[in-house]
PDB file of N, CA and C in Angstrom:
ATOM      1  N   MET A   1      -3.483  10.380   6.785  1.00  0.00           N
ATOM      2  CA  MET A   1      -3.188   9.144   6.094  1.00  0.00           C
ATOM      3  C   MET A   1      -4.569   8.339   5.743  1.00  0.00           C
ATOM      4  N   ILE A   2      -4.894   7.807   4.460  1.00  0.00           N
ATOM      5  CA  ILE A   2      -5.650   7.081   4.401  1.00  0.00           C
ATOM      6  C   ILE A   2      -5.459   5.628   4.427  1.00  0.00           C
ATOM      7  N   THR A   3      -6.430   4.594   4.496  1.00  0.00           N
ATOM      8  CA  THR A   3      -6.192   3.064   4.599  1.00  0.00           C
ATOM      9  C   THR A   3      -6.552   2.476   3.692  1.00  0.00           C
ATOM     10  N   LEU A   4      -6.357   1.861   2.313  1.00  0.00           N
ATOM     11  CA  LEU A   4      -7.132   0.797   1.688  1.00  0.00           C
ATOM     12  C   LEU A   4      -7.081  -0.473   1.983  1.00  0.00           C
ATOM     13  N   ASP A   5      -8.744  -1.050   2.203  1.00  0.00           N
ATOM     14  CA  ASP A   5      -8.826  -2.264   2.864  1.00  0.00           C
ATOM     15  C   ASP A   5      -9.162  -3.235   1.709  1.00  0.00           C
ATOM     16  N   GLN A   6      -7.959  -3.887   1.361  1.00  0.00           N
ATOM     17  CA  GLN A   6      -8.187  -4.470   0.288  1.00  0.00           C
ATOM     18  C   GLN A   6      -7.898  -6.070   0.575  1.00  0.00           C
ATOM     19  N   ARG A   7      -8.223  -6.203   1.863  1.00  0.00           N
ATOM     20  CA  ARG A   7      -8.615  -7.824   2.236  1.00  0.00           C
ATOM     21  C   ARG A   7      -9.324  -8.392   1.564  1.00  0.00           C
ATOM     22  N   GLY A   8      -8.921  -9.928   1.274  1.00  0.00           N
ATOM     23  CA  GLY A   8      -9.736 -10.834   0.160  1.00  0.00           C
ATOM     24  C   GLY A   8      -9.621 -10.576  -1.339  1.00  0.00           C
ATOM     25  N   ARG A   9      -9.001  -9.365  -1.637  1.00  0.00           N
ATOM     26  CA  ARG A   9      -8.593  -9.060  -2.985  1.00  0.00           C
ATOM     27  C   ARG A   9      -6.937  -9.533  -3.507  1.00  0.00           C
ATOM     28  N   ARG A  10      -7.012 -10.100  -4.632  1.00  0.00           N
ATOM     29  CA  ARG A  10      -5.891 -11.100  -4.984  1.00  0.00           C
ATOM     30  C   ARG A  10      -5.097 -10.015  -6.011  1.00  0.00           C
ATOM     31  N   CYS A  11      -3.763 -10.512  -6.029  1.00  0.00           N
ATOM     32  CA  CYS A  11      -2.879  -9.379  -7.069  1.00  0.00           C
ATOM     33  C   CYS A  11      -3.405  -9.452  -8.509  1.00  0.00           C
ATOM     34  N   PRO A  12      -3.800  -8.330  -9.270  1.00  0.00           N
ATOM     35  CA  PRO A  12      -2.930  -7.232  -9.049  1.00  0.00           C
ATOM     36  C   PRO A  12      -3.920  -6.036  -8.314  1.00  0.00           C
ATOM     37  N   LEU A  13      -4.986  -6.490  -7.563  1.00  0.00           N
ATOM     38  CA  LEU A  13      -5.943  -5.288  -7.076  1.00  0.00           C
ATOM     39  C   LEU A  13      -5.539  -4.654  -5.963  1.00  0.00           C
ATOM     40  N   PRO A  14      -4.728  -5.127  -5.054  1.00  0.00           N
ATOM     41  CA  PRO A  14      -3.992  -4.124  -3.814  1.00  0.00           C
ATOM     42  C   PRO A  14      -3.146  -3.131  -4.804  1.00  0.00           C
ATOM     43  N   ILE A  15      -2.578  -3.475  -5.595  1.00  0.00           N
ATOM     44  CA  ILE A  15      -1.520  -2.109  -6.453  1.00  0.00           C
ATOM     45  C   ILE A  15      -2.183  -1.342  -7.269  1.00  0.00           C
ATOM     46  N   ILE A  16      -3.493  -1.820  -7.786  1.00  0.00           N
ATOM     47  CA  ILE A  16      -4.114  -1.096  -8.593  1.00  0.00           C
ATOM     48  C   ILE A  16      -5.131   0.205  -7.646  1.00  0.00           C
ATOM     49  N   ALA A  17      -5.319  -0.538  -6.489  1.00  0.00           N
ATOM     50  CA  ALA A  17      -6.120   0.683  -5.774  1.00  0.00           C
ATOM     51  C   ALA A  17      -4.848   1.607  -4.883  1.00  0.00           C
ATOM     52  N   LEU A  18      -3.825   0.896  -4.905  1.00  0.00           N
ATOM     53  CA  LEU A  18      -2.891   1.907  -4.290  1.00  0.00           C
ATOM     54  C   LEU A  18      -2.610   2.802  -5.394  1.00  0.00           C
ATOM     55  N   ALA A  19      -2.275   2.464  -6.902  1.00  0.00           N
ATOM     56  CA  ALA A  19      -1.981   3.304  -7.645  1.00  0.00           C
ATOM     57  C   ALA A  19      -3.512   4.538  -7.826  1.00  0.00           C
ATOM     58  N   ARG A  20      -4.398   3.874  -7.746  1.00  0.00           N
ATOM     59  CA  ARG A  20      -5.353   4.976  -7.977  1.00  0.00           C
ATOM     60  C   ARG A  20      -5.489   5.923  -7.064  1.00  0.00           C
ATOM     61  N   HIS A  21      -5.377   5.432  -5.864  1.00  0.00           N
ATOM     62  CA  HIS A  21      -5.302   6.417  -4.711  1.00  0.00           C
ATOM     63  C   HIS A  21      -4.268   7.374  -4.055  1.00  0.00           C
ATOM     64  N   ILE A  22      -3.122   6.957  -4.492  1.00  0.00           N
ATOM     65  CA  ILE A  22      -1.819   7.877  -3.951  1.00  0.00           C
ATOM     66  C   ILE A  22      -1.952   9.022  -4.396  1.00  0.00           C
ATOM     67  N   GLY A  23      -2.578   9.614  -5.262  1.00  0.00           N
ATOM     68  CA  GLY A  23      -2.733  11.059  -5.564  1.00  0.00           C
ATOM     69  C   GLY A  23      -3.864  11.536  -4.563  1.00  0.00           C
ATOM     70  N   ASP A  24      -4.652  10.861  -3.842  1.00  0.00           N
ATOM     71  CA  ASP A  24      -5.551  11.319  -2.855  1.00  0.00           C
ATOM     72  C   ASP A  24      -4.959  11.965  -1.856  1.00  0.00           C
ATOM     73  N   VAL A  25      -3.708  11.850  -1.573  1.00  0.00           N
ATOM     74  CA  VAL A  25      -2.807  12.277  -0.170  1.00  0.00           C
ATOM     75  C   VAL A  25      -1.719  13.497  -1.034  1.00  0.00           C
ATOM     76  N   PRO A  26      -1.498  14.488   0.045  1.00  0.00           N
ATOM     77  CA  PRO A  26      -0.695  15.281  -0.418  1.00  0.00           C
ATOM     78  C   PRO A  26       0.813  14.596  -0.781  1.00  0.00           C
ATOM     79  N   VAL A  27       1.731  15.287  -1.572  1.00  0.00           N
ATOM     80  CA  VAL A  27       3.355  14.777  -1.331  1.00  0.00           C
ATOM     81  C   VAL A  27       3.930  14.879   0.156  1.00  0.00           C
ATOM     82  N   ASP A  28       4.474  13.755   0.568  1.00  0.00           N
ATOM     83  CA  ASP A  28       5.104  13.229   1.806  1.00  0.00           C
ATOM     84  C   ASP A  28       3.796  12.729   2.488  1.00  0.00           C
ATOM     85  N   GLU A  29       2.888  12.776   2.197  1.00  0.00           N
ATOM     86  CA  GLU A  29       1.914  12.129   3.305  1.00  0.00           C
ATOM     87  C   GLU A  29       1.820  10.659   2.675  1.00  0.00           C
ATOM     88  N   LEU A  30       1.033   9.998   3.723  1.00  0.00           N
ATOM     89  CA  LEU A  30       1.140   8.376   3.673  1.00  0.00           C
ATOM     90  C   LEU A  30      -0.195   7.822   3.385  1.00  0.00           C
ATOM     91  N   VAL A  31       0.031   6.506   2.522  1.00  0.00           N
ATOM     92  CA  VAL A  31      -1.097   5.521   2.250  1.00  0.00           C
ATOM     93  C   VAL A  31      -0.654   4.182   2.785  1.00  0.00           C
ATOM     94  N   ALA A  32      -1.818   3.699   3.409  1.00  0.00           N
ATOM     95  CA  ALA A  32      -1.494   2.202   3.887  1.00  0.00           C
ATOM     96  C   ALA A  32      -2.568   1.551   3.330  1.00  0.00           C
ATOM     97  N   VAL A  33      -2.171   0.443   3.351  1.00  0.00           N
ATOM     98  CA  VAL A  33      -2.780  -0.763   2.059  1.00  0.00           C
ATOM     99  C   VAL A  33      -3.034  -1.883   3.259  1.00  0.00           C
ATOM    100  N   ALA A  34      -4.017  -2.395   3.307  1.00  0.00           N
ATOM    101  CA  ALA A  34      -4.239  -3.778   4.079  1.00  0.00           C
ATOM    102  C   ALA A  34      -4.496  -4.779   3.313  1.00  0.00           C
ATOM    103  N   ALA A  35      -3.656  -5.469   3.192  1.00  0.00           N
ATOM    104  CA  ALA A  35      -4.081  -6.740   2.191  1.00  0.00           C
ATOM    105  C   ALA A  35      -3.801  -8.104   2.275  1.00  0.00           C
ATOM    106  N   ASP A  36      -4.217  -9.003   2.806  1.00  0.00           N
ATOM    107  CA  ASP A  36      -3.721 -10.342   3.208  1.00  0.00           C
ATOM    108  C   ASP A  36      -3.558 -11.222   1.688  1.00  0.00           C
ATOM    109  N   ASP A  37      -3.473 -10.549   0.640  1.00  0.00           N
ATOM    110  CA  ASP A  37      -2.547 -11.518  -0.401  1.00  0.00           C
ATOM    111  C   ASP A  37      -1.285 -11.769  -0.173  1.00  0.00           C
ATOM    112  N   PRO A  38      -0.590 -12.744  -0.226  1.00  0.00           N
ATOM    113  CA  PRO A  38       0.712 -12.913   0.494  1.00  0.00           C
ATOM    114  C   PRO A  38       1.631 -12.076  -0.954  1.00  0.00           C
ATOM    115  N   ALA A  39       1.259 -12.031  -2.075  1.00  0.00           N
ATOM    116  CA  ALA A  39       1.673 -11.246  -3.001  1.00  0.00           C
ATOM    117  C   ALA A  39       2.105  -9.689  -2.516  1.00  0.00           C
ATOM    118  N   ALA A  40       1.135  -9.168  -2.057  1.00  0.00           N
ATOM    119  CA  ALA A  40       1.111  -7.506  -1.589  1.00  0.00           C
ATOM    120  C   ALA A  40       2.247  -7.395  -0.955  1.00  0.00           C
ATOM    121  N   ARG A  41       2.928  -8.176  -0.287  1.00  0.00           N
ATOM    122  CA  ARG A  41       4.316  -8.020   0.461  1.00  0.00           C
ATOM    123  C   ARG A  41       5.450  -7.341  -0.719  1.00  0.00           C
ATOM    124  N   LEU A  42       5.492  -8.371  -1.492  1.00  0.00           N
ATOM    125  CA  LEU A  42       6.547  -8.146  -2.378  1.00  0.00           C
ATOM    126  C   LEU A  42       6.350  -6.912  -3.634  1.00  0.00           C
ATOM    127  N   ASP A  43       4.883  -6.847  -3.895  1.00  0.00           N
ATOM    128  CA  ASP A  43       4.147  -6.071  -4.943  1.00  0.00           C
ATOM    129  C   ASP A  43       4.339  -4.384  -4.465  1.00  0.00           C
ATOM    130  N   VAL A  44       4.094  -4.222  -3.239  1.00  0.00           N
ATOM    131  CA  VAL A  44       3.970  -2.925  -2.925  1.00  0.00           C
ATOM    132  C   VAL A  44       5.575  -2.567  -2.817  1.00  0.00           C
ATOM    133  N   GLN A  45       6.274  -2.908  -2.416  1.00  0.00           N
ATOM    134  CA  GLN A  45       7.662  -2.406  -2.454  1.00  0.00           C
ATOM    135  C   GLN A  45       8.118  -2.233  -4.087  1.00  0.00           C
ATOM    136  N   ALA A  46       7.999  -3.240  -4.868  1.00  0.00           N
ATOM    137  CA  ALA A  46       8.284  -3.207  -5.964  1.00  0.00           C
ATOM    138  C   ALA A  46       7.494  -1.897  -6.841  1.00  0.00           C
ATOM    139  N   TRP A  47       6.445  -1.865  -6.630  1.00  0.00           N
ATOM    140  CA  TRP A  47       5.476  -0.699  -7.060  1.00  0.00           C
ATOM    141  C   TRP A  47       6.474   0.786  -6.604  1.00  0.00           C
ATOM    142  N   CYS A  48       6.856   0.477  -5.180  1.00  0.00           N
ATOM    143  CA  CYS A  48       7.286   2.021  -4.751  1.00  0.00           C
ATOM    144  C   CYS A  48       8.548   2.235  -5.621  1.00  0.00           C
ATOM    145  N   ARG A  49       9.533   1.264  -5.438  1.00  0.00           N
ATOM    146  CA  ARG A  49      10.580   1.466  -6.606  1.00  0.00           C
ATOM    147  C   ARG A  49      10.152   1.786  -7.973  1.00  0.00           C
ATOM    148  N   MET A  50       9.298   1.275  -8.543  1.00  0.00           N
ATOM    149  CA  MET A  50       9.245   1.794 -10.152  1.00  0.00           C
ATOM    150  C   MET A  50       8.361   2.991 -10.062  1.00  0.00           C
ATOM    151  N   ARG A  51       7.891   3.522  -8.965  1.00  0.00           N
ATOM    152  CA  ARG A  51       6.980   4.549  -9.100  1.00  0.00           C
ATOM    153  C   ARG A  51       7.619   5.753  -8.645  1.00  0.00           C
ATOM    154  N   GLY A  52       8.804   5.689  -7.397  1.00  0.00           N
ATOM    155  CA  GLY A  52       9.244   6.707  -6.754  1.00  0.00           C
ATOM    156  C   GLY A  52       8.524   7.504  -5.714  1.00  0.00           C
ATOM    157  N   HIS A  53       7.892   6.432  -5.152  1.00  0.00           N
ATOM    158  CA  HIS A  53       7.159   6.605  -3.560  1.00  0.00           C
ATOM    159  C   HIS A  53       8.090   5.795  -2.640  1.00  0.00           C
ATOM    160  N   GLU A  54       7.968   6.183  -1.653  1.00  0.00           N
ATOM    161  CA  GLU A  54       8.727   5.584  -0.358  1.00  0.00           C
ATOM    162  C   GLU A  54       7.916   4.315   0.249  1.00  0.00           C
ATOM    163  N   TYR A  55       8.793   3.271   0.129  1.00  0.00           N
ATOM    164  CA  TYR A  55       8.060   2.146   0.916  1.00  0.00           C
ATOM    165  C   TYR A  55       8.485   2.541   2.572  1.00  0.00           C
ATOM    166  N   VAL A  56       7.475   2.561   3.668  1.00  0.00           N
ATOM    167  CA  VAL A  56       7.666   3.259   4.921  1.00  0.00           C
ATOM    168  C   VAL A  56       8.059   1.636   5.841  1.00  0.00           C
ATOM    169  N   GLY A  57       7.289   0.775   5.450  1.00  0.00           N
ATOM    170  CA  GLY A  57       6.957  -0.551   6.131  1.00  0.00           C
ATOM    171  C   GLY A  57       5.582  -1.051   6.442  1.00  0.00           C
ATOM    172  N   GLU A  58       5.835  -2.565   7.132  1.00  0.00           N
ATOM    173  CA  GLU A  58       4.654  -3.141   7.609  1.00  0.00           C
ATOM    174  C   GLU A  58       4.325  -3.045   8.731  1.00  0.00           C
ATOM    175  N   GLU A  59       3.099  -3.206   9.248  1.00  0.00           N
ATOM    176  CA  GLU A  59       2.477  -3.544  10.646  1.00  0.00           C
ATOM    177  C   GLU A  59       1.588  -4.514  10.327  1.00  0.00           C
ATOM    178  N   ALA A  60       0.950  -5.029  11.482  1.00  0.00           N
ATOM    179  CA  ALA A  60      -0.342  -5.814  11.544  1.00  0.00           C
ATOM    180  C   ALA A  60      -1.560  -5.123  12.029  1.00  0.00           C
ATOM    181  N   ALA A  61      -2.325  -5.335  11.293  1.00  0.00           N
ATOM    182  CA  ALA A  61      -3.851  -4.559  11.863  1.00  0.00           C
ATOM    183  C   ALA A  61      -4.457  -5.570  12.980  1.00  0.00           C
ATOM    184  N   PRO A  62      -5.190  -4.803  13.776  1.00  0.00           N
ATOM    185  CA  PRO A  62      -5.405  -5.364  15.183  1.00  0.00           C
ATOM    186  C   PRO A  62      -6.329  -7.005  14.647  1.00  0.00           C
ATOM    187  N   ASP A  63      -6.627  -7.232  13.431  1.00  0.00           N
ATOM    188  CA  ASP A  63      -7.151  -8.605  13.214  1.00  0.00           C
ATOM    189  C   ASP A  63      -5.746  -9.795  12.352  1.00  0.00           C
ATOM    190  N   GLY A  64      -4.430  -8.755  12.496  1.00  0.00           N
ATOM    191  CA  GLY A  64      -3.637  -9.581  11.969  1.00  0.00           C
ATOM    192  C   GLY A  64      -2.985  -9.623  10.598  1.00  0.00           C
ATOM    193  N   VAL A  65      -4.256  -8.983   9.842  1.00  0.00           N
ATOM    194  CA  VAL A  65      -3.565  -8.515   8.677  1.00  0.00           C
ATOM    195  C   VAL A  65      -2.253  -7.797   8.053  1.00  0.00           C
ATOM    196  N   PRO A  66      -1.542  -7.442   7.274  1.00  0.00           N
ATOM    197  CA  PRO A  66      -0.503  -7.039   7.243  1.00  0.00           C
ATOM    198  C   PRO A  66      -0.954  -5.341   6.496  1.00  0.00           C
ATOM    199  N   VAL A  67      -0.173  -4.732   6.870  1.00  0.00           N
ATOM    200  CA  VAL A  67      -0.513  -3.377   6.532  1.00  0.00           C
ATOM    201  C   VAL A  67       0.536  -2.799   6.071  1.00  0.00           C
ATOM    202  N   TYR A  68       0.726  -2.329   4.679  1.00  0.00           N
ATOM    203  CA  TYR A  68       1.866  -1.729   4.302  1.00  0.00           C
ATOM    204  C   TYR A  68       1.888  -0.065   3.472  1.00  0.00           C
ATOM    205  N   THR A  69       2.663   0.427   4.357  1.00  0.00           N
ATOM    206  CA  THR A  69       2.597   1.919   4.392  1.00  0.00           C
ATOM    207  C   THR A  69       3.632   2.511   3.249  1.00  0.00           C
ATOM    208  N   VAL A  70       3.126   3.634   2.416  1.00  0.00           N
ATOM    209  CA  VAL A  70       3.497   3.875   1.514  1.00  0.00           C
ATOM    210  C   VAL A  70       3.693   5.582   1.720  1.00  0.00           C
ATOM    211  N   ARG A  71       4.702   6.550   1.843  1.00  0.00           N
ATOM    212  CA  ARG A  71       4.472   7.545   1.251  1.00  0.00           C
ATOM    213  C   ARG A  71       5.054   8.396  -0.133  1.00  0.00           C
ATOM    214  N   ARG A  72       4.194   9.195  -0.261  1.00  0.00           N
ATOM    215  CA  ARG A  72       3.974   9.758  -1.695  1.00  0.00           C
ATOM    216  C   ARG A  72       5.238  10.645  -1.714  1.00  0.00           C
ATOM    217  N   ARG A  73       5.862  10.394  -2.650  1.00  0.00           N
ATOM    218  CA  ARG A  73       6.878  11.392  -2.951  1.00  0.00           C
ATOM    219  C   ARG A  73       7.068  12.270  -4.383  1.00  0.00           C
ATOM    220  N   ARG A  74       6.094  12.251  -4.627  1.00  0.00           N
ATOM    221  CA  ARG A  74       5.835  12.839  -6.299  1.00  0.00           C
ATOM    222  C   ARG A  74       4.408  13.292  -6.391  1.00  0.00           C
TER     223      ARG A  74
END
């Protein structure tokens, strides 16, 4: 799994980073996006639906920032 640190970056930058790096992991592997932009919560889920990837869920990083996990599906 790779984690993209998108703290301090506003929409659409976390999604652009996710789109740019999803191909860095094999199919069925995970990419996590740490993002403090409140829009990322919905944007990551919507991006997964539109692009055919699986939204796995959200956890908090040790500093409390949300981390959104995506499974590459294609």
